[in-house]
Every structure is written in structure tokens, then in C-alpha cells.
Amino acid sequence: MSISSIFDNDEMTMNKVGKNWKPEDLLAQEGLFFLKDVVKVFNIKTVTIKRKYNELKEMGQDPYLVMGVRKVWQHWLVRMKVFAPFYRNNLDSKVQALAPDWDANIMLRQNGIFLLGDVVERLPFTSHQLRHQANHCGNPRKEMGVWKDNNLKLFVVDMETFANWVRKTWNGDFSRA
């Protein structure tokens, strides 16, 4: 009796994430990795990956074939050969981290996309206040630079637009742009 191959070559090795790997280093690898180690390199939450996994299942698709993620017993595994293109097309956000030494003024002079939760730690506004304002704007991304990113399922800030909105608001102009 002959048994056909069960595993592809890249599925036969359980790899460890390198200590100093950056996202591109990990995306270039082959083999299987533990999800708990992968999310640290990409600075994304495990729940984000599991949400995508469940969305694919609900649509009748096989998450392992589409995104390279599978749960085996109590462990979530990532097949990097499949996960890499999925990540680049669906999860790779352009969100940047705030430097620890930035105060509010330095932060507001930056360009880029940042997590709202991180931004409010340096401002006299709460995330609730800013989400409320964004939810009541016609086009919050354009008007105030705050919106909910569909992939991350989190609110993000485009600092250039947001800085102008903060400056205007702080100076007493509460009109909608």
C-alpha cells in the first residue's frame, strides 16, 4: 500500500523566529512558525489574525490554503510561504510606532500613519473623544485624519492631516471642515 505525500517540503520544518528579524526577514523564510512568535515581529495582534481566519472560514474558504494559518491541537501555526503574500496584500499596514522620546509637539510634526491609542497618550484628548468626532464627520480621514482601518479593525491617525485639525481645534475653531 502506497501513501501519497502528506506534507510539502516547506511544511516539514518547524522554525524559530530569529531574535533580530525584521518583518521582511521573516516573510522571506520558508517553513512553519508558531503564530505567537510571528505576530511579535509584525507588531500585530493575534486576534487580528484569528479574525481573518474566521472570516475566511465563514466565507467557505480554507484559511490554511488562503492565508497559511492553521490550528493544530492548542497551537496556531503559520506556513510562511502562503502567509507572506497574504500578509503583504491584506495585513501589512503602514502604521508606524511613535518614538518614546516624542512629546505631543514633536509627534504632531511627523508624517505617517499611527495608532490612535498611541497618539492619545501624548494629547489632552481621549481616544473616545476623537473616535466620537470621527464618527460624526462626513469624511473623517480627509477632515481630521482619523479613521477606522478595515484590516486592523483599529482607529489610526494620518499625522499630517490630524496635526492641522488639532491645531485648528486647539485654537478654538470647532466648526466642521
C-alpha atoms as a PDB file:
ATOM      1  CA  MET A   1       0.000   0.000   0.000  1.00  0.00           C
ATOM      2  CA  SER A   2       1.422   3.330  -1.044  1.00  0.00           C
ATOM      3  CA  ILE A   3       0.824   6.500   0.912  1.00  0.00           C
ATOM      4  CA  SER A   4       0.907   9.705  -1.081  1.00  0.00           C
ATOM      5  CA  SER A   5       2.838  12.651   0.275  1.00  0.00           C
ATOM      6  CA  ILE A   6       1.120  14.434   3.101  1.00  0.00           C
ATOM      7  CA  PHE A   7       3.485  17.361   3.605  1.00  0.00           C
ATOM      8  CA  ASP A   8       5.010  19.771   1.123  1.00  0.00           C
ATOM      9  CA  ASN A   9       8.742  20.360   1.625  1.00  0.00           C
ATOM     10  CA  ASP A  10       8.223  23.675   3.419  1.00  0.00           C
ATOM     11  CA  GLU A  11       5.756  22.071   5.850  1.00  0.00           C
ATOM     12  CA  MET A  12       8.260  19.601   7.232  1.00  0.00           C
ATOM     13  CA  THR A  13      10.202  22.050   9.374  1.00  0.00           C
ATOM     14  CA  MET A  14       9.131  23.891  12.488  1.00  0.00           C
ATOM     15  CA  ASN A  15      11.292  27.013  12.610  1.00  0.00           C
ATOM     16  CA  LYS A  16      12.090  29.555  15.271  1.00  0.00           C
ATOM     17  CA  VAL A  17      11.863  33.272  14.600  1.00  0.00           C
ATOM     18  CA  GLY A  18      15.286  34.930  14.712  1.00  0.00           C
ATOM     19  CA  LYS A  19      15.876  37.353  17.587  1.00  0.00           C
ATOM     20  CA  ASN A  20      16.656  40.349  15.381  1.00  0.00           C
ATOM     21  CA  TRP A  21      14.457  39.535  12.393  1.00  0.00           C
ATOM     22  CA  LYS A  22      12.529  42.348  10.839  1.00  0.00           C
ATOM     23  CA  PRO A  23       9.239  41.653   9.016  1.00  0.00           C
ATOM     24  CA  GLU A  24      10.912  41.262   5.618  1.00  0.00           C
ATOM     25  CA  ASP A  25      13.405  38.762   7.069  1.00  0.00           C
ATOM     26  CA  LEU A  26      10.562  36.601   8.340  1.00  0.00           C
ATOM     27  CA  LEU A  27       8.492  36.946   5.155  1.00  0.00           C
ATOM     28  CA  ALA A  28      11.452  35.620   3.152  1.00  0.00           C
ATOM     29  CA  GLN A  29      11.592  32.367   5.168  1.00  0.00           C
ATOM     30  CA  GLU A  30      10.036  29.028   4.384  1.00  0.00           C
ATOM     31  CA  GLY A  31       8.656  26.545   6.849  1.00  0.00           C
ATOM     32  CA  LEU A  32       6.240  26.602   9.729  1.00  0.00           C
ATOM     33  CA  PHE A  33       6.328  29.036  12.644  1.00  0.00           C
ATOM     34  CA  PHE A  34       4.253  29.494  15.769  1.00  0.00           C
ATOM     35  CA  LEU A  35       1.759  32.331  15.360  1.00  0.00           C
ATOM     36  CA  LYS A  36       2.623  33.686  18.816  1.00  0.00           C
ATOM     37  CA  ASP A  37       6.196  34.313  17.589  1.00  0.00           C
ATOM     38  CA  VAL A  38       5.191  35.660  14.173  1.00  0.00           C
ATOM     39  CA  VAL A  39       2.851  38.375  15.491  1.00  0.00           C
ATOM     40  CA  LYS A  40       5.659  39.857  17.600  1.00  0.00           C
ATOM     41  CA  VAL A  41       7.778  40.543  14.512  1.00  0.00           C
ATOM     42  CA  PHE A  42       4.871  42.132  12.623  1.00  0.00           C
ATOM     43  CA  ASN A  43       3.613  44.026  15.674  1.00  0.00           C
ATOM     44  CA  ILE A  44       0.070  42.838  15.078  1.00  0.00           C
ATOM     45  CA  LYS A  45      -2.341  41.233  17.482  1.00  0.00           C
ATOM     46  CA  THR A  46      -3.074  37.529  17.438  1.00  0.00           C
ATOM     47  CA  VAL A  47      -6.766  38.378  17.474  1.00  0.00           C
ATOM     48  CA  THR A  48      -6.346  40.188  14.124  1.00  0.00           C
ATOM     49  CA  ILE A  49      -5.029  37.000  12.506  1.00  0.00           C
ATOM     50  CA  LYS A  50      -7.683  34.841  14.139  1.00  0.00           C
ATOM     51  CA  ARG A  51     -10.391  37.253  12.965  1.00  0.00           C
ATOM     52  CA  LYS A  52      -9.168  36.936   9.362  1.00  0.00           C
ATOM     53  CA  TYR A  53      -9.033  33.158   9.821  1.00  0.00           C
ATOM     54  CA  ASN A  54     -12.661  33.073  10.992  1.00  0.00           C
ATOM     55  CA  GLU A  55     -13.792  35.433   8.194  1.00  0.00           C
ATOM     56  CA  LEU A  56     -12.309  33.057   5.616  1.00  0.00           C
ATOM     57  CA  LYS A  57     -13.993  30.042   7.226  1.00  0.00           C
ATOM     58  CA  GLU A  58     -17.345  31.868   7.242  1.00  0.00           C
ATOM     59  CA  MET A  59     -16.915  32.529   3.507  1.00  0.00           C
ATOM     60  CA  GLY A  60     -16.360  28.796   2.945  1.00  0.00           C
ATOM     61  CA  GLN A  61     -12.640  29.151   2.197  1.00  0.00           C
ATOM     62  CA  ASP A  62      -9.809  27.131   3.708  1.00  0.00           C
ATOM     63  CA  PRO A  63      -7.730  29.559   5.809  1.00  0.00           C
ATOM     64  CA  TYR A  64      -4.667  27.325   5.549  1.00  0.00           C
ATOM     65  CA  LEU A  65      -4.718  27.483   1.751  1.00  0.00           C
ATOM     66  CA  VAL A  66      -5.581  31.194   1.598  1.00  0.00           C
ATOM     67  CA  MET A  67      -3.542  32.674   4.452  1.00  0.00           C
ATOM     68  CA  GLY A  68      -1.305  29.853   5.655  1.00  0.00           C
ATOM     69  CA  VAL A  69      -2.675  29.693   9.217  1.00  0.00           C
ATOM     70  CA  ARG A  70      -3.930  26.570  10.946  1.00  0.00           C
ATOM     71  CA  LYS A  71      -4.633  25.432  14.482  1.00  0.00           C
ATOM     72  CA  VAL A  72      -3.177  22.066  15.422  1.00  0.00           C
ATOM     73  CA  TRP A  73      -4.183  20.976  18.903  1.00  0.00           C
ATOM     74  CA  GLN A  74      -3.513  24.014  21.080  1.00  0.00           C
ATOM     75  CA  HIS A  75      -1.037  25.716  18.732  1.00  0.00           C
ATOM     76  CA  TRP A  76      -1.606  28.132  15.887  1.00  0.00           C
ATOM     77  CA  LEU A  77       0.858  27.557  13.049  1.00  0.00           C
ATOM     78  CA  VAL A  78       1.869  29.819  10.189  1.00  0.00           C
ATOM     79  CA  ARG A  79       3.068  28.485   6.842  1.00  0.00           C
ATOM     80  CA  MET A  80       5.219  31.389   5.753  1.00  0.00           C
ATOM     81  CA  LYS A  81       5.199  30.513   2.038  1.00  0.00           C
ATOM     82  CA  VAL A  82       1.433  31.158   1.979  1.00  0.00           C
ATOM     83  CA  PHE A  83       1.267  33.731   4.773  1.00  0.00           C
ATOM     84  CA  ALA A  84       3.816  36.125   3.211  1.00  0.00           C
ATOM     85  CA  PRO A  85       1.732  37.105   0.156  1.00  0.00           C
ATOM     86  CA  PHE A  86      -1.446  37.157   2.252  1.00  0.00           C
ATOM     87  CA  TYR A  87       0.223  39.463   4.774  1.00  0.00           C
ATOM     88  CA  ARG A  88       1.509  41.829   2.090  1.00  0.00           C
ATOM     89  CA  ASN A  89      -1.919  42.066   0.441  1.00  0.00           C
ATOM     90  CA  ASN A  90      -4.178  42.118   3.484  1.00  0.00           C
ATOM     91  CA  LEU A  91      -2.404  42.867   6.742  1.00  0.00           C
ATOM     92  CA  ASP A  92       0.643  44.988   6.005  1.00  0.00           C
ATOM     93  CA  SER A  93      -0.418  48.320   7.305  1.00  0.00           C
ATOM     94  CA  LYS A  94       1.727  51.356   7.028  1.00  0.00           C
ATOM     95  CA  VAL A  95       1.285  52.077  10.730  1.00  0.00           C
ATOM     96  CA  GLN A  96       4.424  53.374  12.373  1.00  0.00           C
ATOM     97  CA  ALA A  97       5.438  53.312  16.002  1.00  0.00           C
ATOM     98  CA  LEU A  98       5.816  56.537  17.942  1.00  0.00           C
ATOM     99  CA  ALA A  99       9.304  57.196  19.244  1.00  0.00           C
ATOM    100  CA  PRO A 100       9.347  57.045  23.047  1.00  0.00           C
ATOM    101  CA  ASP A 101      11.032  60.444  23.362  1.00  0.00           C
ATOM    102  CA  TRP A 102       8.456  62.351  21.289  1.00  0.00           C
ATOM    103  CA  ASP A 103       6.229  64.763  23.159  1.00  0.00           C
ATOM    104  CA  ALA A 104       2.943  65.969  21.622  1.00  0.00           C
ATOM    105  CA  ASN A 105       4.566  68.817  19.683  1.00  0.00           C
ATOM    106  CA  ILE A 106       7.273  66.641  18.159  1.00  0.00           C
ATOM    107  CA  MET A 107       4.723  63.921  17.376  1.00  0.00           C
ATOM    108  CA  LEU A 108       2.455  66.402  15.570  1.00  0.00           C
ATOM    109  CA  ARG A 109       5.355  67.407  13.286  1.00  0.00           C
ATOM    110  CA  GLN A 110       5.777  63.846  11.977  1.00  0.00           C
ATOM    111  CA  ASN A 111       4.412  62.338   8.781  1.00  0.00           C
ATOM    112  CA  GLY A 112       2.867  58.913   8.598  1.00  0.00           C
ATOM    113  CA  ILE A 113       0.113  56.722   9.976  1.00  0.00           C
ATOM    114  CA  PHE A 114      -0.001  55.917  13.701  1.00  0.00           C
ATOM    115  CA  LEU A 115      -2.378  54.053  16.035  1.00  0.00           C
ATOM    116  CA  LEU A 116      -4.894  56.364  17.693  1.00  0.00           C
ATOM    117  CA  GLY A 117      -4.395  54.575  21.019  1.00  0.00           C
ATOM    118  CA  ASP A 118      -0.702  55.503  20.972  1.00  0.00           C
ATOM    119  CA  VAL A 119      -1.320  59.065  19.807  1.00  0.00           C
ATOM    120  CA  VAL A 120      -3.765  59.972  22.578  1.00  0.00           C
ATOM    121  CA  GLU A 121      -1.212  59.045  25.225  1.00  0.00           C
ATOM    122  CA  ARG A 122       0.534  62.302  24.338  1.00  0.00           C
ATOM    123  CA  LEU A 123      -2.512  64.555  23.915  1.00  0.00           C
ATOM    124  CA  PRO A 124      -5.116  66.222  26.129  1.00  0.00           C
ATOM    125  CA  PHE A 125      -7.851  64.299  24.255  1.00  0.00           C
ATOM    126  CA  THR A 126      -9.149  60.801  24.883  1.00  0.00           C
ATOM    127  CA  SER A 127      -9.494  58.167  22.205  1.00  0.00           C
ATOM    128  CA  HIS A 128     -13.231  58.156  22.949  1.00  0.00           C
ATOM    129  CA  GLN A 129     -13.475  61.877  22.160  1.00  0.00           C
ATOM    130  CA  LEU A 130     -11.564  61.513  18.907  1.00  0.00           C
ATOM    131  CA  ARG A 131     -13.468  58.407  17.780  1.00  0.00           C
ATOM    132  CA  HIS A 132     -16.708  60.264  18.529  1.00  0.00           C
ATOM    133  CA  GLN A 133     -15.593  63.221  16.400  1.00  0.00           C
ATOM    134  CA  ALA A 134     -14.510  60.872  13.599  1.00  0.00           C
ATOM    135  CA  ASN A 135     -17.828  59.030  13.680  1.00  0.00           C
ATOM    136  CA  HIS A 136     -19.671  62.331  13.224  1.00  0.00           C
ATOM    137  CA  CYS A 137     -17.545  63.630  10.323  1.00  0.00           C
ATOM    138  CA  GLY A 138     -18.641  63.233   6.748  1.00  0.00           C
ATOM    139  CA  ASN A 139     -15.134  62.176   5.726  1.00  0.00           C
ATOM    140  CA  PRO A 140     -13.061  61.766   8.904  1.00  0.00           C
ATOM    141  CA  ARG A 141      -9.937  60.637   7.088  1.00  0.00           C
ATOM    142  CA  LYS A 142      -9.883  63.794   4.971  1.00  0.00           C
ATOM    143  CA  GLU A 143     -11.303  66.221   7.550  1.00  0.00           C
ATOM    144  CA  MET A 144      -9.415  65.238  10.685  1.00  0.00           C
ATOM    145  CA  GLY A 145      -7.027  62.441   9.740  1.00  0.00           C
ATOM    146  CA  VAL A 146      -8.665  59.811  11.967  1.00  0.00           C
ATOM    147  CA  TRP A 147     -10.474  56.708  10.712  1.00  0.00           C
ATOM    148  CA  LYS A 148     -11.016  53.037  11.447  1.00  0.00           C
ATOM    149  CA  ASP A 149      -8.661  50.880   9.411  1.00  0.00           C
ATOM    150  CA  ASN A 150     -10.654  47.952   7.990  1.00  0.00           C
ATOM    151  CA  ASN A 151      -7.757  45.499   8.105  1.00  0.00           C
ATOM    152  CA  LEU A 152      -6.543  46.351  11.584  1.00  0.00           C
ATOM    153  CA  LYS A 153     -10.041  46.946  12.979  1.00  0.00           C
ATOM    154  CA  LEU A 154      -8.486  49.843  14.913  1.00  0.00           C
ATOM    155  CA  PHE A 155      -8.568  53.617  14.618  1.00  0.00           C
ATOM    156  CA  VAL A 156      -5.499  55.163  13.031  1.00  0.00           C
ATOM    157  CA  VAL A 157      -4.224  58.696  12.534  1.00  0.00           C
ATOM    158  CA  ASP A 158      -2.692  60.334   9.464  1.00  0.00           C
ATOM    159  CA  MET A 159      -0.461  62.709  11.394  1.00  0.00           C
ATOM    160  CA  GLU A 160      -0.195  65.455   8.775  1.00  0.00           C
ATOM    161  CA  THR A 161      -3.978  65.925   8.468  1.00  0.00           C
ATOM    162  CA  PHE A 162      -4.521  65.271  12.153  1.00  0.00           C
ATOM    163  CA  ALA A 163      -1.935  67.870  13.228  1.00  0.00           C
ATOM    164  CA  ASN A 164      -3.732  70.545  11.206  1.00  0.00           C
ATOM    165  CA  TRP A 165      -7.065  69.509  12.719  1.00  0.00           C
ATOM    166  CA  VAL A 166      -5.618  69.550  16.264  1.00  0.00           C
ATOM    167  CA  ARG A 167      -4.070  72.991  15.711  1.00  0.00           C
ATOM    168  CA  LYS A 168      -7.372  74.375  14.438  1.00  0.00           C
ATOM    169  CA  THR A 169      -9.404  72.736  17.216  1.00  0.00           C
ATOM    170  CA  TRP A 170      -6.987  73.785  19.976  1.00  0.00           C
ATOM    171  CA  ASN A 171      -7.231  77.361  18.728  1.00  0.00           C
ATOM    172  CA  GLY A 172     -10.989  77.286  19.228  1.00  0.00           C
ATOM    173  CA  ASP A 173     -12.294  76.512  15.743  1.00  0.00           C
ATOM    174  CA  PHE A 174     -14.830  73.764  16.406  1.00  0.00           C
ATOM    175  CA  SER A 175     -16.533  74.023  13.009  1.00  0.00           C
ATOM    176  CA  ARG A 176     -16.600  71.032  10.714  1.00  0.00           C
ATOM    177  CA  ALA A 177     -14.158  71.438   7.837  1.00  0.00           C
END
